[in-house]
Amino acid sequence: AETGAIATWLYRDPSSPVVPMADQAGFRRTGREIVLTAPFDEASIRALKVGDVLLLNGRMYTGRDSVHVYLMKNDPPVDLRGAAIYHCGPVAIKDGETWTMKAAGPTTSIREEPYQADVIRKFGVRAVIGKGGMGQKTLEALKECGAVYLSAIGGAAQFYAKTIERVDGVSLFEFGVPEAMWHLHVKD
């Protein structure tokens, strides 16, 4: 404690170098920065490579557990063809008739695994955004339909909120602020 030196490691063997997960799986990161505007077309999505950094523009929709359960039995309240679904439970403030997002970080995507493949296939979703990845069922739907899973950085909720130019609407508000389907217009 006096020197600040690390005496022992609890969770990592210091003799083993830290290797990013993408490198362990044999993926090469491209470093390409790509700008896409929604709605997304299949060709643009299929052209993406692991490691691409994406700047998204246009409309996207939030969708957590309640939205996905709803979509299993109901038509969506918006047209999801070519859309991005963001696994996000935002912090939203209403001032008069205008909603402002104060925090819009990703939530854990694997919770949507029971539903996501069906939502992609039924409604033509092209991008799913969240953190932590998805399972095999979703991966198969992504490949089949020409869609992509985009990994968002956890802990960046206020940064992401600043990219939301406006809230164009909200559906399924009866589920509550974090579980509603927010219609967001984003820039970069």
C-alpha atoms as a PDB file:
ATOM      1  CA  ALA A   1       0.000   0.000   0.000  1.00  0.00           C
ATOM      2  CA  GLU A   2       2.870   2.356   0.683  1.00  0.00           C
ATOM      3  CA  THR A   3       4.339   2.068  -2.825  1.00  0.00           C
ATOM      4  CA  GLY A   4       1.248   1.299  -4.888  1.00  0.00           C
ATOM      5  CA  ALA A   5       3.022  -1.711  -6.400  1.00  0.00           C
ATOM      6  CA  ILE A   6       0.883  -4.693  -7.397  1.00  0.00           C
ATOM      7  CA  ALA A   7       1.869  -7.624  -5.163  1.00  0.00           C
ATOM      8  CA  THR A   8      -0.451 -10.251  -6.671  1.00  0.00           C
ATOM      9  CA  TRP A   9      -3.037 -10.539  -9.428  1.00  0.00           C
ATOM     10  CA  LEU A  10      -6.402 -11.959  -8.415  1.00  0.00           C
ATOM     11  CA  TYR A  11      -7.960 -12.472 -11.840  1.00  0.00           C
ATOM     12  CA  ARG A  12      -5.162 -12.461 -14.405  1.00  0.00           C
ATOM     13  CA  ASP A  13      -1.856 -14.221 -14.783  1.00  0.00           C
ATOM     14  CA  PRO A  14       0.595 -11.371 -15.457  1.00  0.00           C
ATOM     15  CA  SER A  15       2.864 -13.709 -17.414  1.00  0.00           C
ATOM     16  CA  SER A  16       0.098 -14.132 -20.030  1.00  0.00           C
ATOM     17  CA  PRO A  17      -0.345 -11.114 -22.305  1.00  0.00           C
ATOM     18  CA  VAL A  18      -3.776  -9.605 -22.712  1.00  0.00           C
ATOM     19  CA  VAL A  19      -5.158 -10.674 -26.105  1.00  0.00           C
ATOM     20  CA  PRO A  20      -8.359  -9.048 -27.430  1.00  0.00           C
ATOM     21  CA  MET A  21     -11.222 -11.511 -27.970  1.00  0.00           C
ATOM     22  CA  ALA A  22     -11.395 -10.744 -31.698  1.00  0.00           C
ATOM     23  CA  ASP A  23      -7.725 -11.699 -32.042  1.00  0.00           C
ATOM     24  CA  GLN A  24      -8.282 -14.945 -30.121  1.00  0.00           C
ATOM     25  CA  ALA A  25     -10.993 -15.898 -32.606  1.00  0.00           C
ATOM     26  CA  GLY A  26      -8.721 -15.174 -35.555  1.00  0.00           C
ATOM     27  CA  PHE A  27     -10.526 -12.034 -36.772  1.00  0.00           C
ATOM     28  CA  ARG A  28      -8.535  -9.175 -38.225  1.00  0.00           C
ATOM     29  CA  ARG A  29      -9.751  -5.766 -37.231  1.00  0.00           C
ATOM     30  CA  THR A  30     -10.041  -3.522 -40.250  1.00  0.00           C
ATOM     31  CA  GLY A  31      -9.904  -0.098 -38.661  1.00  0.00           C
ATOM     32  CA  ARG A  32     -12.304   1.096 -41.386  1.00  0.00           C
ATOM     33  CA  GLU A  33     -14.743   3.825 -40.422  1.00  0.00           C
ATOM     34  CA  ILE A  34     -18.044   3.458 -42.264  1.00  0.00           C
ATOM     35  CA  VAL A  35     -21.022   5.801 -42.266  1.00  0.00           C
ATOM     36  CA  LEU A  36     -24.434   4.183 -42.779  1.00  0.00           C
ATOM     37  CA  THR A  37     -27.835   5.850 -42.937  1.00  0.00           C
ATOM     38  CA  ALA A  38     -31.046   4.025 -42.046  1.00  0.00           C
ATOM     39  CA  PRO A  39     -32.927   2.283 -43.456  1.00  0.00           C
ATOM     40  CA  PHE A  40     -30.053  -0.074 -44.239  1.00  0.00           C
ATOM     41  CA  ASP A  41     -29.961  -2.250 -47.340  1.00  0.00           C
ATOM     42  CA  GLU A  42     -28.750  -5.839 -47.409  1.00  0.00           C
ATOM     43  CA  ALA A  43     -25.737  -5.160 -49.649  1.00  0.00           C
ATOM     44  CA  SER A  44     -24.346  -2.483 -47.303  1.00  0.00           C
ATOM     45  CA  ILE A  45     -24.722  -4.764 -44.307  1.00  0.00           C
ATOM     46  CA  ARG A  46     -23.173  -7.795 -46.022  1.00  0.00           C
ATOM     47  CA  ALA A  47     -20.177  -5.633 -47.040  1.00  0.00           C
ATOM     48  CA  LEU A  48     -19.260  -4.993 -43.392  1.00  0.00           C
ATOM     49  CA  LYS A  49     -16.276  -6.754 -41.811  1.00  0.00           C
ATOM     50  CA  VAL A  50     -15.445  -7.564 -38.197  1.00  0.00           C
ATOM     51  CA  GLY A  51     -13.572  -4.600 -36.799  1.00  0.00           C
ATOM     52  CA  ASP A  52     -15.323  -1.939 -38.857  1.00  0.00           C
ATOM     53  CA  VAL A  53     -16.242   1.132 -36.851  1.00  0.00           C
ATOM     54  CA  LEU A  54     -19.720   2.296 -37.791  1.00  0.00           C
ATOM     55  CA  LEU A  55     -21.223   5.744 -37.559  1.00  0.00           C
ATOM     56  CA  LEU A  56     -24.985   5.413 -37.848  1.00  0.00           C
ATOM     57  CA  ASN A  57     -27.357   8.117 -39.011  1.00  0.00           C
ATOM     58  CA  GLY A  58     -31.105   8.361 -39.272  1.00  0.00           C
ATOM     59  CA  ARG A  59     -33.833   6.539 -37.407  1.00  0.00           C
ATOM     60  CA  MET A  60     -33.341   3.692 -34.953  1.00  0.00           C
ATOM     61  CA  TYR A  61     -35.634   2.134 -32.384  1.00  0.00           C
ATOM     62  CA  THR A  62     -34.980   0.951 -28.874  1.00  0.00           C
ATOM     63  CA  GLY A  63     -36.189  -2.469 -27.881  1.00  0.00           C
ATOM     64  CA  ARG A  64     -35.683  -4.368 -24.669  1.00  0.00           C
ATOM     65  CA  ASP A  65     -37.471  -7.359 -23.172  1.00  0.00           C
ATOM     66  CA  SER A  66     -41.037  -6.008 -23.232  1.00  0.00           C
ATOM     67  CA  VAL A  67     -40.774  -4.828 -26.846  1.00  0.00           C
ATOM     68  CA  HIS A  68     -39.407  -8.183 -28.007  1.00  0.00           C
ATOM     69  CA  VAL A  69     -42.102 -10.150 -26.177  1.00  0.00           C
ATOM     70  CA  TYR A  70     -44.718  -7.834 -27.714  1.00  0.00           C
ATOM     71  CA  LEU A  71     -43.300  -8.367 -31.223  1.00  0.00           C
ATOM     72  CA  MET A  72     -43.600 -12.132 -30.878  1.00  0.00           C
ATOM     73  CA  LYS A  73     -47.395 -11.822 -30.882  1.00  0.00           C
ATOM     74  CA  ASN A  74     -48.083  -8.455 -32.518  1.00  0.00           C
ATOM     75  CA  ASP A  75     -47.140  -6.393 -35.527  1.00  0.00           C
ATOM     76  CA  PRO A  76     -44.669  -3.628 -34.730  1.00  0.00           C
ATOM     77  CA  PRO A  77     -45.974  -0.111 -34.201  1.00  0.00           C
ATOM     78  CA  VAL A  78     -43.441   1.099 -36.813  1.00  0.00           C
ATOM     79  CA  ASP A  79     -41.968  -0.250 -40.039  1.00  0.00           C
ATOM     80  CA  LEU A  80     -38.826  -2.172 -39.048  1.00  0.00           C
ATOM     81  CA  ARG A  81     -37.668  -3.073 -42.575  1.00  0.00           C
ATOM     82  CA  GLY A  82     -34.030  -2.071 -42.846  1.00  0.00           C
ATOM     83  CA  ALA A  83     -34.084  -0.675 -39.311  1.00  0.00           C
ATOM     84  CA  ALA A  84     -31.771  -0.892 -36.337  1.00  0.00           C
ATOM     85  CA  ILE A  85     -33.053  -2.113 -32.989  1.00  0.00           C
ATOM     86  CA  TYR A  86     -30.979  -0.795 -30.111  1.00  0.00           C
ATOM     87  CA  HIS A  87     -31.024  -2.853 -26.912  1.00  0.00           C
ATOM     88  CA  CYS A  88     -31.252   0.194 -24.691  1.00  0.00           C
ATOM     89  CA  GLY A  89     -33.280   1.378 -21.718  1.00  0.00           C
ATOM     90  CA  PRO A  90     -32.716   5.125 -21.956  1.00  0.00           C
ATOM     91  CA  VAL A  91     -33.082   7.817 -19.344  1.00  0.00           C
ATOM     92  CA  ALA A  92     -35.503  10.284 -20.903  1.00  0.00           C
ATOM     93  CA  ILE A  93     -36.738  13.650 -19.651  1.00  0.00           C
ATOM     94  CA  LYS A  94     -39.847  15.358 -20.972  1.00  0.00           C
ATOM     95  CA  ASP A  95     -39.933  19.144 -21.196  1.00  0.00           C
ATOM     96  CA  GLY A  96     -43.351  20.224 -22.430  1.00  0.00           C
ATOM     97  CA  GLU A  97     -43.939  18.058 -25.494  1.00  0.00           C
ATOM     98  CA  THR A  98     -40.256  17.390 -26.194  1.00  0.00           C
ATOM     99  CA  TRP A  99     -38.347  14.342 -24.973  1.00  0.00           C
ATOM    100  CA  THR A 100     -34.591  14.559 -24.384  1.00  0.00           C
ATOM    101  CA  MET A 101     -32.328  11.575 -23.847  1.00  0.00           C
ATOM    102  CA  LYS A 102     -29.950  12.050 -20.939  1.00  0.00           C
ATOM    103  CA  ALA A 103     -28.445   8.549 -21.054  1.00  0.00           C
ATOM    104  CA  ALA A 104     -28.762   5.920 -23.771  1.00  0.00           C
ATOM    105  CA  GLY A 105     -26.275   3.149 -23.095  1.00  0.00           C
ATOM    106  CA  PRO A 106     -26.598  -0.402 -24.370  1.00  0.00           C
ATOM    107  CA  THR A 107     -28.136  -3.145 -22.299  1.00  0.00           C
ATOM    108  CA  THR A 108     -27.133  -6.808 -22.306  1.00  0.00           C
ATOM    109  CA  SER A 109     -28.277  -8.345 -25.574  1.00  0.00           C
ATOM    110  CA  ILE A 110     -28.326 -12.029 -24.677  1.00  0.00           C
ATOM    111  CA  ARG A 111     -31.613 -11.478 -22.821  1.00  0.00           C
ATOM    112  CA  GLU A 112     -33.257 -11.042 -26.228  1.00  0.00           C
ATOM    113  CA  GLU A 113     -31.872 -14.318 -27.619  1.00  0.00           C
ATOM    114  CA  PRO A 114     -35.217 -16.171 -27.321  1.00  0.00           C
ATOM    115  CA  TYR A 115     -36.855 -13.550 -29.590  1.00  0.00           C
ATOM    116  CA  GLN A 116     -34.277 -11.760 -31.723  1.00  0.00           C
ATOM    117  CA  ALA A 117     -34.008 -14.255 -34.606  1.00  0.00           C
ATOM    118  CA  ASP A 118     -37.778 -14.255 -35.103  1.00  0.00           C
ATOM    119  CA  VAL A 119     -37.925 -10.455 -34.993  1.00  0.00           C
ATOM    120  CA  ILE A 120     -35.153 -10.203 -37.603  1.00  0.00           C
ATOM    121  CA  ARG A 121     -36.868 -12.706 -39.912  1.00  0.00           C
ATOM    122  CA  LYS A 122     -40.445 -11.464 -39.503  1.00  0.00           C
ATOM    123  CA  PHE A 123     -39.842  -7.739 -39.742  1.00  0.00           C
ATOM    124  CA  GLY A 124     -36.678  -7.265 -41.835  1.00  0.00           C
ATOM    125  CA  VAL A 125     -34.489  -5.738 -39.139  1.00  0.00           C
ATOM    126  CA  ARG A 126     -30.950  -5.163 -40.544  1.00  0.00           C
ATOM    127  CA  ALA A 127     -29.014  -4.154 -37.407  1.00  0.00           C
ATOM    128  CA  VAL A 128     -29.162  -5.130 -33.757  1.00  0.00           C
ATOM    129  CA  ILE A 129     -27.134  -2.994 -31.370  1.00  0.00           C
ATOM    130  CA  GLY A 130     -26.267  -3.918 -27.803  1.00  0.00           C
ATOM    131  CA  LYS A 131     -23.543  -5.185 -25.554  1.00  0.00           C
ATOM    132  CA  GLY A 132     -22.224  -8.626 -24.769  1.00  0.00           C
ATOM    133  CA  GLY A 133     -23.179 -10.369 -28.001  1.00  0.00           C
ATOM    134  CA  MET A 134     -25.958 -12.794 -28.912  1.00  0.00           C
ATOM    135  CA  GLY A 135     -26.330 -16.549 -29.304  1.00  0.00           C
ATOM    136  CA  GLN A 136     -26.311 -19.077 -32.123  1.00  0.00           C
ATOM    137  CA  LYS A 137     -29.999 -18.699 -32.971  1.00  0.00           C
ATOM    138  CA  THR A 138     -29.576 -14.973 -33.629  1.00  0.00           C
ATOM    139  CA  LEU A 139     -26.307 -15.533 -35.494  1.00  0.00           C
ATOM    140  CA  GLU A 140     -28.088 -17.870 -37.913  1.00  0.00           C
ATOM    141  CA  ALA A 141     -30.839 -15.288 -38.562  1.00  0.00           C
ATOM    142  CA  LEU A 142     -28.244 -12.549 -39.100  1.00  0.00           C
ATOM    143  CA  LYS A 143     -26.448 -14.661 -41.717  1.00  0.00           C
ATOM    144  CA  GLU A 144     -29.639 -15.785 -43.421  1.00  0.00           C
ATOM    145  CA  CYS A 145     -31.255 -12.355 -43.620  1.00  0.00           C
ATOM    146  CA  GLY A 146     -28.257 -10.110 -44.223  1.00  0.00           C
ATOM    147  CA  ALA A 147     -28.323  -8.406 -40.846  1.00  0.00           C
ATOM    148  CA  VAL A 148     -25.594  -7.546 -38.370  1.00  0.00           C
ATOM    149  CA  TYR A 149     -25.004  -7.398 -34.622  1.00  0.00           C
ATOM    150  CA  LEU A 150     -23.197  -4.203 -33.610  1.00  0.00           C
ATOM    151  CA  SER A 151     -21.376  -4.118 -30.313  1.00  0.00           C
ATOM    152  CA  ALA A 152     -21.844  -0.876 -28.394  1.00  0.00           C
ATOM    153  CA  ILE A 153     -19.538   0.186 -25.601  1.00  0.00           C
ATOM    154  CA  GLY A 154     -20.940  -0.220 -22.106  1.00  0.00           C
ATOM    155  CA  GLY A 155     -20.447   2.739 -19.794  1.00  0.00           C
ATOM    156  CA  ALA A 156     -20.849   5.290 -22.595  1.00  0.00           C
ATOM    157  CA  ALA A 157     -24.517   6.117 -21.983  1.00  0.00           C
ATOM    158  CA  GLN A 158     -24.083   9.880 -21.869  1.00  0.00           C
ATOM    159  CA  PHE A 159     -21.846   9.866 -24.932  1.00  0.00           C
ATOM    160  CA  TYR A 160     -24.459   7.922 -26.918  1.00  0.00           C
ATOM    161  CA  ALA A 161     -27.224  10.237 -25.686  1.00  0.00           C
ATOM    162  CA  LYS A 162     -25.338  13.162 -27.233  1.00  0.00           C
ATOM    163  CA  THR A 163     -25.587  11.485 -30.652  1.00  0.00           C
ATOM    164  CA  ILE A 164     -29.392  11.506 -30.460  1.00  0.00           C
ATOM    165  CA  GLU A 165     -30.444  14.598 -32.379  1.00  0.00           C
ATOM    166  CA  ARG A 166     -34.074  14.196 -31.454  1.00  0.00           C
ATOM    167  CA  VAL A 167     -36.765  11.850 -30.240  1.00  0.00           C
ATOM    168  CA  ASP A 168     -39.302  11.447 -33.038  1.00  0.00           C
ATOM    169  CA  GLY A 169     -41.791   9.483 -30.971  1.00  0.00           C
ATOM    170  CA  VAL A 170     -42.375   6.689 -28.536  1.00  0.00           C
ATOM    171  CA  SER A 171     -44.474   3.542 -28.872  1.00  0.00           C
ATOM    172  CA  LEU A 172     -45.549   1.056 -26.238  1.00  0.00           C
ATOM    173  CA  PHE A 173     -45.100   3.660 -23.513  1.00  0.00           C
ATOM    174  CA  GLU A 174     -47.321   1.556 -21.291  1.00  0.00           C
ATOM    175  CA  PHE A 175     -44.231  -0.599 -20.670  1.00  0.00           C
ATOM    176  CA  GLY A 176     -42.489   2.324 -18.941  1.00  0.00           C
ATOM    177  CA  VAL A 177     -39.657   4.633 -19.987  1.00  0.00           C
ATOM    178  CA  PRO A 178     -36.821   2.045 -20.173  1.00  0.00           C
ATOM    179  CA  GLU A 179     -38.960  -0.647 -21.814  1.00  0.00           C
ATOM    180  CA  ALA A 180     -40.870   1.507 -24.323  1.00  0.00           C
ATOM    181  CA  MET A 181     -39.924   1.610 -28.004  1.00  0.00           C
ATOM    182  CA  TRP A 182     -38.260   4.969 -28.554  1.00  0.00           C
ATOM    183  CA  HIS A 183     -37.994   6.387 -32.086  1.00  0.00           C
ATOM    184  CA  LEU A 184     -34.604   8.064 -32.170  1.00  0.00           C
ATOM    185  CA  HIS A 185     -32.961  10.147 -34.864  1.00  0.00           C
ATOM    186  CA  VAL A 186     -29.192   9.769 -34.496  1.00  0.00           C
ATOM    187  CA  LYS A 187     -26.105  11.362 -36.000  1.00  0.00           C
ATOM    188  CA  ASP A 188     -22.757   9.545 -36.005  1.00  0.00           C
END
